[in-house]
């Protein structure tokens, strides 16, 4: 085989992400990441409906009228777990801690996305966080069409 034949046995093998895609209905696109709204993981049926292991599956299911547009414009999200190398079974996935003050949010008056730590208080209230705070600028831009 040619896969990584020249790597010493004591060296960690390259990390392979367990890719996850979920629909962002506001952006009409799919996001690559595990920072999906938690309600999408509410039960097994929701997981089957909203979480996909490939981009094409997400686009085909959620955006059938523009599959090509969806496939050409994936939004990069964030992975909430740091993956372990495949050859280290003793490794446990480590959660990535997200600081809310570094998240991206829409500057409604300025028509742009920002991450300056000046998030309006109302965006931090229950029911608004999932709609207005994003882990990446492309997610915010896709949701609000600013960038």
C-alpha atoms as a PDB file:
ATOM      1  CA  UNK A   1       0.000   0.000   0.000  1.00  0.00           C
ATOM      2  CA  UNK A   2       1.094   3.566  -0.517  1.00  0.00           C
ATOM      3  CA  UNK A   3      -0.858   5.154   2.325  1.00  0.00           C
ATOM      4  CA  UNK A   4       1.661   6.710   4.700  1.00  0.00           C
ATOM      5  CA  UNK A   5       4.181   3.870   4.261  1.00  0.00           C
ATOM      6  CA  UNK A   6       7.068   6.134   5.142  1.00  0.00           C
ATOM      7  CA  UNK A   7       5.795   7.170   8.595  1.00  0.00           C
ATOM      8  CA  UNK A   8       7.420   5.557  11.634  1.00  0.00           C
ATOM      9  CA  UNK A   9       5.089   3.340  13.693  1.00  0.00           C
ATOM     10  CA  UNK A  10       5.499   5.546  16.769  1.00  0.00           C
ATOM     11  CA  UNK A  11       4.316   8.695  14.977  1.00  0.00           C
ATOM     12  CA  UNK A  12       0.634   9.608  15.062  1.00  0.00           C
ATOM     13  CA  UNK A  13      -1.107   8.930  11.793  1.00  0.00           C
ATOM     14  CA  UNK A  14      -2.671  11.964  10.122  1.00  0.00           C
ATOM     15  CA  UNK A  15      -5.951  13.123  11.599  1.00  0.00           C
ATOM     16  CA  UNK A  16      -9.012  12.357   9.507  1.00  0.00           C
ATOM     17  CA  UNK A  17     -12.068  14.378  10.342  1.00  0.00           C
ATOM     18  CA  UNK A  18     -15.388  12.691  10.751  1.00  0.00           C
ATOM     19  CA  UNK A  19     -16.982  15.252   8.464  1.00  0.00           C
ATOM     20  CA  UNK A  20     -20.429  16.437   9.373  1.00  0.00           C
ATOM     21  CA  UNK A  21     -22.703  18.701   7.338  1.00  0.00           C
ATOM     22  CA  UNK A  22     -25.957  20.288   8.406  1.00  0.00           C
ATOM     23  CA  UNK A  23     -28.402  22.639   6.642  1.00  0.00           C
ATOM     24  CA  UNK A  24     -28.435  26.340   7.417  1.00  0.00           C
ATOM     25  CA  UNK A  25     -31.947  27.200   6.345  1.00  0.00           C
ATOM     26  CA  UNK A  26     -31.345  30.956   6.665  1.00  0.00           C
ATOM     27  CA  UNK A  27     -28.347  30.812   4.319  1.00  0.00           C
ATOM     28  CA  UNK A  28     -29.873  28.216   1.969  1.00  0.00           C
ATOM     29  CA  UNK A  29     -26.684  26.217   2.197  1.00  0.00           C
ATOM     30  CA  UNK A  30     -24.973  23.444   4.134  1.00  0.00           C
ATOM     31  CA  UNK A  31     -22.367  24.004   6.833  1.00  0.00           C
ATOM     32  CA  UNK A  32     -19.323  21.761   7.335  1.00  0.00           C
ATOM     33  CA  UNK A  33     -18.907  21.412  11.104  1.00  0.00           C
ATOM     34  CA  UNK A  34     -20.354  20.110  14.338  1.00  0.00           C
ATOM     35  CA  UNK A  35     -21.474  23.507  15.609  1.00  0.00           C
ATOM     36  CA  UNK A  36     -25.023  22.798  14.493  1.00  0.00           C
ATOM     37  CA  UNK A  37     -27.964  23.928  16.643  1.00  0.00           C
ATOM     38  CA  UNK A  38     -28.368  21.396  19.448  1.00  0.00           C
ATOM     39  CA  UNK A  39     -32.022  20.758  18.574  1.00  0.00           C
ATOM     40  CA  UNK A  40     -30.765  18.968  15.452  1.00  0.00           C
ATOM     41  CA  UNK A  41     -29.389  16.296  17.805  1.00  0.00           C
ATOM     42  CA  UNK A  42     -32.548  16.099  19.905  1.00  0.00           C
ATOM     43  CA  UNK A  43     -33.279  12.486  18.966  1.00  0.00           C
ATOM     44  CA  UNK A  44     -32.249   9.877  16.409  1.00  0.00           C
ATOM     45  CA  UNK A  45     -34.859  10.947  13.878  1.00  0.00           C
ATOM     46  CA  UNK A  46     -33.679  14.565  13.980  1.00  0.00           C
ATOM     47  CA  UNK A  47     -30.073  13.408  13.572  1.00  0.00           C
ATOM     48  CA  UNK A  48     -31.016  11.388  10.488  1.00  0.00           C
ATOM     49  CA  UNK A  49     -32.930  14.334   9.079  1.00  0.00           C
ATOM     50  CA  UNK A  50     -30.406  17.127   9.736  1.00  0.00           C
ATOM     51  CA  UNK A  51     -26.882  15.689  10.082  1.00  0.00           C
ATOM     52  CA  UNK A  52     -25.024  14.313   7.065  1.00  0.00           C
ATOM     53  CA  UNK A  53     -21.639  12.708   6.530  1.00  0.00           C
ATOM     54  CA  UNK A  54     -21.189  14.301   3.119  1.00  0.00           C
ATOM     55  CA  UNK A  55     -21.965  17.624   1.537  1.00  0.00           C
ATOM     56  CA  UNK A  56     -23.872  16.167  -1.416  1.00  0.00           C
ATOM     57  CA  UNK A  57     -26.325  14.369   0.869  1.00  0.00           C
ATOM     58  CA  UNK A  58     -27.127  17.567   2.751  1.00  0.00           C
ATOM     59  CA  UNK A  59     -27.548  19.627  -0.430  1.00  0.00           C
ATOM     60  CA  UNK A  60     -29.686  17.008  -2.163  1.00  0.00           C
ATOM     61  CA  UNK A  61     -32.018  16.609   0.827  1.00  0.00           C
ATOM     62  CA  UNK A  62     -32.422  20.256   1.823  1.00  0.00           C
ATOM     63  CA  UNK A  63     -31.816  22.287  -1.331  1.00  0.00           C
ATOM     64  CA  UNK A  64     -33.042  20.124  -4.236  1.00  0.00           C
ATOM     65  CA  UNK A  65     -33.873  23.124  -6.434  1.00  0.00           C
ATOM     66  CA  UNK A  66     -30.252  24.350  -6.338  1.00  0.00           C
ATOM     67  CA  UNK A  67     -28.028  21.360  -5.569  1.00  0.00           C
ATOM     68  CA  UNK A  68     -25.172  22.695  -7.722  1.00  0.00           C
ATOM     69  CA  UNK A  69     -25.286  26.100  -6.039  1.00  0.00           C
ATOM     70  CA  UNK A  70     -25.218  24.445  -2.629  1.00  0.00           C
ATOM     71  CA  UNK A  71     -22.332  22.146  -3.574  1.00  0.00           C
ATOM     72  CA  UNK A  72     -20.293  25.082  -4.870  1.00  0.00           C
ATOM     73  CA  UNK A  73     -20.771  27.231  -1.765  1.00  0.00           C
ATOM     74  CA  UNK A  74     -20.161  25.182   1.369  1.00  0.00           C
ATOM     75  CA  UNK A  75     -20.006  27.263   4.535  1.00  0.00           C
ATOM     76  CA  UNK A  76     -17.156  26.275   6.849  1.00  0.00           C
ATOM     77  CA  UNK A  77     -18.267  25.905  10.438  1.00  0.00           C
ATOM     78  CA  UNK A  78     -16.331  24.714  13.485  1.00  0.00           C
ATOM     79  CA  UNK A  79     -15.810  21.219  14.852  1.00  0.00           C
ATOM     80  CA  UNK A  80     -16.756  21.029  18.514  1.00  0.00           C
ATOM     81  CA  UNK A  81     -14.463  18.065  19.117  1.00  0.00           C
ATOM     82  CA  UNK A  82     -10.779  17.867  18.342  1.00  0.00           C
ATOM     83  CA  UNK A  83     -10.443  14.500  16.573  1.00  0.00           C
ATOM     84  CA  UNK A  84      -7.977  11.845  17.691  1.00  0.00           C
ATOM     85  CA  UNK A  85      -5.447  10.175  15.397  1.00  0.00           C
ATOM     86  CA  UNK A  86      -6.776   6.861  14.070  1.00  0.00           C
ATOM     87  CA  UNK A  87      -3.955   4.795  15.545  1.00  0.00           C
ATOM     88  CA  UNK A  88      -4.334   6.054  19.150  1.00  0.00           C
ATOM     89  CA  UNK A  89      -7.337   4.271  20.730  1.00  0.00           C
ATOM     90  CA  UNK A  90      -6.423   5.597  24.190  1.00  0.00           C
ATOM     91  CA  UNK A  91      -7.063   9.157  22.977  1.00  0.00           C
ATOM     92  CA  UNK A  92     -10.349  10.752  23.949  1.00  0.00           C
ATOM     93  CA  UNK A  93     -11.940  13.525  21.917  1.00  0.00           C
ATOM     94  CA  UNK A  94     -11.291  16.870  23.543  1.00  0.00           C
ATOM     95  CA  UNK A  95     -14.045  19.503  23.397  1.00  0.00           C
ATOM     96  CA  UNK A  96     -13.047  22.793  21.823  1.00  0.00           C
ATOM     97  CA  UNK A  97     -14.138  25.587  24.112  1.00  0.00           C
ATOM     98  CA  UNK A  98     -15.887  28.440  22.347  1.00  0.00           C
ATOM     99  CA  UNK A  99     -15.725  31.831  24.008  1.00  0.00           C
ATOM    100  CA  UNK A 100     -18.982  33.641  23.254  1.00  0.00           C
ATOM    101  CA  UNK A 101     -17.140  36.987  23.096  1.00  0.00           C
ATOM    102  CA  UNK A 102     -15.059  35.830  20.107  1.00  0.00           C
ATOM    103  CA  UNK A 103     -18.087  34.712  18.111  1.00  0.00           C
ATOM    104  CA  UNK A 104     -19.259  36.493  14.960  1.00  0.00           C
ATOM    105  CA  UNK A 105     -22.495  38.452  15.009  1.00  0.00           C
ATOM    106  CA  UNK A 106     -24.329  40.691  12.521  1.00  0.00           C
ATOM    107  CA  UNK A 107     -23.923  44.431  12.924  1.00  0.00           C
ATOM    108  CA  UNK A 108     -27.494  45.161  11.895  1.00  0.00           C
ATOM    109  CA  UNK A 109     -26.930  48.906  11.423  1.00  0.00           C
ATOM    110  CA  UNK A 110     -23.548  48.507   9.710  1.00  0.00           C
ATOM    111  CA  UNK A 111     -24.603  45.690   7.354  1.00  0.00           C
ATOM    112  CA  UNK A 112     -21.554  43.567   8.163  1.00  0.00           C
ATOM    113  CA  UNK A 113     -20.432  40.751  10.447  1.00  0.00           C
ATOM    114  CA  UNK A 114     -18.125  41.469  13.382  1.00  0.00           C
ATOM    115  CA  UNK A 115     -16.326  39.629  16.172  1.00  0.00           C
ATOM    116  CA  UNK A 116     -15.122  42.531  18.282  1.00  0.00           C
ATOM    117  CA  UNK A 117     -16.588  41.288  21.573  1.00  0.00           C
ATOM    118  CA  UNK A 118     -19.246  44.037  21.530  1.00  0.00           C
ATOM    119  CA  UNK A 119     -22.206  41.684  21.061  1.00  0.00           C
ATOM    120  CA  UNK A 120     -25.484  43.449  21.885  1.00  0.00           C
ATOM    121  CA  UNK A 121     -26.979  42.097  25.107  1.00  0.00           C
ATOM    122  CA  UNK A 122     -30.234  41.075  23.437  1.00  0.00           C
ATOM    123  CA  UNK A 123     -28.363  38.676  21.123  1.00  0.00           C
ATOM    124  CA  UNK A 124     -27.178  36.775  24.224  1.00  0.00           C
ATOM    125  CA  UNK A 125     -30.727  36.059  25.419  1.00  0.00           C
ATOM    126  CA  UNK A 126     -32.230  32.573  25.103  1.00  0.00           C
ATOM    127  CA  UNK A 127     -33.816  32.117  21.722  1.00  0.00           C
ATOM    128  CA  UNK A 128     -31.506  34.624  20.008  1.00  0.00           C
ATOM    129  CA  UNK A 129     -28.077  33.000  20.407  1.00  0.00           C
ATOM    130  CA  UNK A 130     -28.673  30.320  17.754  1.00  0.00           C
ATOM    131  CA  UNK A 131     -29.985  32.945  15.332  1.00  0.00           C
ATOM    132  CA  UNK A 132     -27.377  35.687  15.762  1.00  0.00           C
ATOM    133  CA  UNK A 133     -24.072  34.210  17.004  1.00  0.00           C
ATOM    134  CA  UNK A 134     -21.757  32.255  14.712  1.00  0.00           C
ATOM    135  CA  UNK A 135     -18.417  30.484  15.076  1.00  0.00           C
ATOM    136  CA  UNK A 136     -17.077  31.704  11.739  1.00  0.00           C
ATOM    137  CA  UNK A 137     -17.418  34.805   9.591  1.00  0.00           C
ATOM    138  CA  UNK A 138     -18.660  32.794   6.558  1.00  0.00           C
ATOM    139  CA  UNK A 139     -21.552  31.440   8.666  1.00  0.00           C
ATOM    140  CA  UNK A 140     -22.583  34.945   9.710  1.00  0.00           C
ATOM    141  CA  UNK A 141     -22.193  36.267   6.174  1.00  0.00           C
ATOM    142  CA  UNK A 142     -24.221  33.428   4.695  1.00  0.00           C
ATOM    143  CA  UNK A 143     -27.026  33.921   7.203  1.00  0.00           C
ATOM    144  CA  UNK A 144     -27.298  37.695   6.780  1.00  0.00           C
ATOM    145  CA  UNK A 145     -25.907  38.270   3.266  1.00  0.00           C
ATOM    146  CA  UNK A 146     -23.571  41.026   4.368  1.00  0.00           C
ATOM    147  CA  UNK A 147     -20.043  40.079   3.313  1.00  0.00           C
END
